[in-house]
Amino acid sequence: MKKDLISQVLKKYFIGKGKNLSIIHRYLRIKYRMNIDESLLEKRVNNLSLN
């Protein structure tokens, strides 16, 4: 998977620091004004763990 902004944030906060997806969702929405579904974030996490 490409190292885009979402992947970098998921690696840093979900995998590295153990934050949950709702906090990451809120962080992306507030800081980067990205409105992403949490289900999409779950899929991205699954893709990160497979690669």
N, C-alpha and C. Protein backbone atom coordinates (compact mmCIF):
# COMPACT_ATOMS: atom_id res chain seq x y z
N MET A 1 0.84 -1.17 0.00
CA MET A 1 0.00 0.00 0.00
C MET A 1 0.89 1.24 0.00
N LYS A 2 0.47 2.26 -0.74
CA LYS A 2 1.23 3.49 -0.79
C LYS A 2 1.26 4.17 0.57
N LYS A 3 2.29 4.93 0.81
CA LYS A 3 2.43 5.65 2.07
C LYS A 3 1.75 7.01 1.95
N ASP A 4 0.44 7.00 1.92
CA ASP A 4 -0.30 8.25 1.88
C ASP A 4 -0.58 8.72 3.30
N LEU A 5 -1.28 9.82 3.44
CA LEU A 5 -1.51 10.43 4.73
C LEU A 5 -2.28 9.52 5.68
N ILE A 6 -3.30 8.85 5.17
CA ILE A 6 -4.12 7.98 6.02
C ILE A 6 -3.29 6.82 6.54
N SER A 7 -2.49 6.22 5.67
CA SER A 7 -1.65 5.10 6.10
C SER A 7 -0.63 5.53 7.14
N GLN A 8 -0.05 6.69 6.95
CA GLN A 8 0.93 7.18 7.91
C GLN A 8 0.29 7.43 9.27
N VAL A 9 -0.90 8.03 9.27
CA VAL A 9 -1.60 8.31 10.53
C VAL A 9 -1.99 7.00 11.21
N LEU A 10 -2.49 6.03 10.45
CA LEU A 10 -2.87 4.75 11.04
C LEU A 10 -1.66 4.03 11.64
N LYS A 11 -0.54 4.05 10.94
CA LYS A 11 0.66 3.40 11.48
C LYS A 11 1.13 4.08 12.75
N LYS A 12 1.12 5.40 12.75
CA LYS A 12 1.64 6.14 13.90
C LYS A 12 0.73 6.02 15.11
N TYR A 13 -0.57 6.23 14.93
CA TYR A 13 -1.47 6.32 16.08
C TYR A 13 -2.17 5.01 16.41
N PHE A 14 -2.61 4.23 15.41
CA PHE A 14 -3.33 2.98 15.69
C PHE A 14 -2.36 1.88 16.07
N ILE A 15 -1.36 1.68 15.25
CA ILE A 15 -0.42 0.59 15.51
C ILE A 15 0.62 1.00 16.54
N GLY A 16 1.19 2.20 16.39
CA GLY A 16 2.27 2.63 17.27
C GLY A 16 1.82 3.00 18.67
N LYS A 17 0.76 3.79 18.77
CA LYS A 17 0.35 4.31 20.08
C LYS A 17 -0.90 3.65 20.64
N GLY A 18 -1.57 2.82 19.84
CA GLY A 18 -2.72 2.07 20.34
C GLY A 18 -4.00 2.87 20.48
N LYS A 19 -4.14 3.94 19.72
CA LYS A 19 -5.38 4.73 19.76
C LYS A 19 -6.48 3.98 19.02
N ASN A 20 -7.74 4.25 19.38
CA ASN A 20 -8.83 3.57 18.68
C ASN A 20 -9.24 4.36 17.43
N LEU A 21 -10.04 3.71 16.59
CA LEU A 21 -10.37 4.29 15.30
C LEU A 21 -11.25 5.54 15.40
N SER A 22 -12.07 5.64 16.43
CA SER A 22 -12.90 6.84 16.55
C SER A 22 -12.06 8.08 16.83
N ILE A 23 -10.98 7.92 17.60
CA ILE A 23 -10.08 9.05 17.86
C ILE A 23 -9.33 9.43 16.59
N ILE A 24 -8.88 8.43 15.83
CA ILE A 24 -8.18 8.70 14.58
C ILE A 24 -9.13 9.35 13.58
N HIS A 25 -10.37 8.90 13.54
CA HIS A 25 -11.37 9.49 12.66
C HIS A 25 -11.58 10.96 12.99
N ARG A 26 -11.70 11.27 14.26
CA ARG A 26 -11.88 12.65 14.70
C ARG A 26 -10.65 13.50 14.39
N TYR A 27 -9.47 12.93 14.59
CA TYR A 27 -8.21 13.62 14.30
C TYR A 27 -8.12 13.99 12.82
N LEU A 28 -8.42 13.04 11.93
CA LEU A 28 -8.37 13.31 10.50
C LEU A 28 -9.41 14.34 10.09
N ARG A 29 -10.58 14.27 10.71
CA ARG A 29 -11.65 15.20 10.37
C ARG A 29 -11.30 16.63 10.81
N ILE A 30 -10.73 16.78 11.98
CA ILE A 30 -10.44 18.12 12.50
C ILE A 30 -9.16 18.70 11.89
N LYS A 31 -8.08 17.94 11.92
CA LYS A 31 -6.79 18.48 11.48
C LYS A 31 -6.69 18.62 9.96
N TYR A 32 -7.15 17.61 9.23
CA TYR A 32 -6.98 17.60 7.78
C TYR A 32 -8.28 17.80 7.01
N ARG A 33 -9.39 17.97 7.73
CA ARG A 33 -10.72 18.17 7.12
C ARG A 33 -11.07 17.04 6.15
N MET A 34 -10.73 15.83 6.56
CA MET A 34 -11.06 14.64 5.78
C MET A 34 -12.25 13.96 6.42
N ASN A 35 -13.31 13.80 5.67
CA ASN A 35 -14.50 13.14 6.17
C ASN A 35 -14.51 11.70 5.65
N ILE A 36 -13.96 10.80 6.45
CA ILE A 36 -13.79 9.40 6.06
C ILE A 36 -14.62 8.54 7.00
N ASP A 37 -15.29 7.53 6.45
CA ASP A 37 -16.05 6.60 7.28
C ASP A 37 -15.10 5.76 8.12
N GLU A 38 -15.55 5.41 9.32
CA GLU A 38 -14.74 4.55 10.18
C GLU A 38 -14.59 3.16 9.57
N SER A 39 -15.59 2.72 8.80
CA SER A 39 -15.48 1.41 8.16
C SER A 39 -14.35 1.39 7.14
N LEU A 40 -14.13 2.51 6.47
CA LEU A 40 -13.01 2.61 5.54
C LEU A 40 -11.68 2.56 6.28
N LEU A 41 -11.64 3.20 7.45
CA LEU A 41 -10.42 3.13 8.26
C LEU A 41 -10.14 1.70 8.72
N GLU A 42 -11.19 0.95 9.05
CA GLU A 42 -11.01 -0.46 9.44
C GLU A 42 -10.43 -1.26 8.29
N LYS A 43 -10.91 -1.03 7.08
CA LYS A 43 -10.39 -1.73 5.92
C LYS A 43 -8.93 -1.39 5.68
N ARG A 44 -8.59 -0.11 5.88
CA ARG A 44 -7.20 0.32 5.69
C ARG A 44 -6.28 -0.33 6.72
N VAL A 45 -6.77 -0.48 7.95
CA VAL A 45 -5.98 -1.14 8.98
C VAL A 45 -5.75 -2.59 8.61
N ASN A 46 -6.79 -3.24 8.11
CA ASN A 46 -6.64 -4.64 7.68
C ASN A 46 -5.62 -4.76 6.55
N ASN A 47 -5.64 -3.81 5.61
CA ASN A 47 -4.68 -3.83 4.52
C ASN A 47 -3.26 -3.58 5.03
N LEU A 48 -3.11 -2.72 6.03
CA LEU A 48 -1.78 -2.48 6.59
C LEU A 48 -1.23 -3.73 7.27
N SER A 49 -2.09 -4.43 7.97
CA SER A 49 -1.62 -5.62 8.69
C SER A 49 -1.29 -6.76 7.72
N LEU A 50 -1.93 -6.79 6.57
CA LEU A 50 -1.64 -7.84 5.59
C LEU A 50 -0.33 -7.59 4.88
N ASN A 51 0.03 -6.33 4.71
CA ASN A 51 1.27 -6.01 3.97
C ASN A 51 2.43 -5.90 4.85
